[in-house]
Amino acid sequence: MTIYDYHVTMKRVRIADLKANLSRHLHYVRKGHVVTVLDRDTAVAQLVPYQQAEGLRVRQPLGQHRAPHEVPLPPPLHLDLDPLELLREERQPER
């Protein structure tokens, strides 16, 4: 079964057909198409082309600070809450 969309042709296959013709469907995906796998009439998965992740690149920091220890910390929050009391309350079992 094939559905035509504005830009993409999406192929829909049932699980039994996918199992019987896996190589053919993977060849279709390798060409850049998407295959939607159906369990009865419910879509359960999509086979999409694998895209190689781009390697990590290290670049210079953008700000005036060049090292983590040079970044100033924000001022401390002054709250009217007792953190220990909040922790005790959270750890009590539900009643």
Protein backbone atom coordinates (compact mmCIF):
# COMPACT_ATOMS: atom_id res chain seq x y z
CA MET A 1 0.00 0.00 0.00
CA THR A 2 1.39 3.42 -0.91
CA ILE A 3 0.13 6.84 0.17
CA TYR A 4 1.05 9.94 -1.81
CA ASP A 5 1.62 13.11 0.14
CA TYR A 6 2.63 16.62 -0.89
CA HIS A 7 6.37 15.86 -0.95
CA VAL A 8 6.78 12.26 0.14
CA THR A 9 5.61 8.86 -0.96
CA MET A 10 5.10 6.75 2.13
CA LYS A 11 4.82 3.00 1.84
CA ARG A 12 2.73 1.06 4.37
CA VAL A 13 3.29 -2.66 4.92
CA ARG A 14 1.80 -5.20 7.27
CA ILE A 15 4.04 -7.17 9.63
CA ALA A 16 3.64 -10.43 7.68
CA ASP A 17 4.65 -8.73 4.43
CA LEU A 18 7.62 -7.09 6.16
CA LYS A 19 8.81 -10.44 7.49
CA ALA A 20 8.38 -12.14 4.11
CA ASN A 21 10.05 -9.36 2.08
CA LEU A 22 12.43 -7.66 4.51
CA SER A 23 15.28 -7.30 2.01
CA ARG A 24 13.03 -5.64 -0.56
CA HIS A 25 11.66 -3.17 1.99
CA LEU A 26 15.14 -2.35 3.34
CA HIS A 27 16.33 -1.70 -0.22
CA TYR A 28 13.42 0.76 -0.57
CA VAL A 29 14.45 2.48 2.69
CA ARG A 30 18.09 2.68 1.56
CA LYS A 31 16.93 4.73 -1.43
CA GLY A 32 15.62 7.36 1.01
CA HIS A 33 11.98 6.37 1.42
CA VAL A 34 9.99 5.75 4.60
CA VAL A 35 8.13 2.50 5.32
CA THR A 36 5.36 2.46 7.92
CA VAL A 37 4.76 -0.93 9.56
CA LEU A 38 1.14 -1.84 10.31
CA ASP A 39 -0.24 -4.30 12.86
CA ARG A 40 -3.62 -4.93 11.26
CA ASP A 41 -4.55 -1.34 10.39
CA THR A 42 -2.63 0.38 13.21
CA ALA A 43 0.75 1.96 12.52
CA VAL A 44 3.27 0.59 15.03
CA ALA A 45 6.68 1.55 13.60
CA GLN A 46 8.49 3.41 10.85
CA LEU A 47 11.59 2.37 8.98
CA VAL A 48 13.53 5.48 8.03
CA PRO A 49 16.89 5.88 6.27
CA TYR A 50 19.84 5.91 8.65
CA GLN A 51 21.67 9.23 8.78
CA GLN A 52 25.28 9.16 9.90
CA ALA A 53 25.70 11.46 12.88
CA GLU A 54 28.09 14.32 12.36
CA GLY A 55 31.26 14.05 14.43
CA LEU A 56 31.71 16.25 17.46
CA ARG A 57 33.56 19.47 16.94
CA VAL A 58 35.30 21.36 19.73
CA ARG A 59 35.10 25.13 19.42
CA GLN A 60 36.09 28.08 21.52
CA PRO A 61 33.53 29.36 24.06
CA LEU A 62 31.59 32.37 22.83
CA GLY A 63 31.63 34.54 25.94
CA GLN A 64 34.36 36.47 27.68
CA HIS A 65 34.92 33.52 30.05
CA ARG A 66 37.30 30.89 28.71
CA ALA A 67 37.15 28.32 31.52
CA PRO A 68 34.31 27.08 33.75
CA HIS A 69 35.95 28.40 36.92
CA GLU A 70 35.89 31.93 35.43
CA VAL A 71 32.09 32.02 35.10
CA PRO A 72 30.54 33.94 38.00
CA LEU A 73 27.92 32.13 40.06
CA PRO A 74 24.44 33.60 40.43
CA PRO A 75 23.53 35.08 43.80
CA PRO A 76 22.01 32.60 46.29
CA LEU A 77 18.23 32.44 46.60
CA HIS A 78 16.75 33.56 49.87
CA LEU A 79 13.65 31.47 50.45
CA ASP A 80 11.42 31.26 53.51
CA LEU A 81 11.45 27.45 53.31
CA ASP A 82 13.31 24.89 55.36
CA PRO A 83 14.93 22.40 52.95
CA LEU A 84 15.16 19.70 55.63
CA GLU A 85 11.47 20.00 56.41
CA LEU A 86 10.61 19.72 52.72
CA LEU A 87 12.80 16.62 52.43
CA ARG A 88 11.16 14.98 55.47
CA GLU A 89 7.72 15.75 54.06
CA GLU A 90 8.60 14.24 50.69
CA ARG A 91 10.01 11.05 52.23
CA GLN A 92 6.98 10.35 54.42
CA PRO A 93 4.85 7.53 53.00
CA GLU A 94 1.46 8.46 51.61
CA ARG A 95 -1.36 8.03 54.11
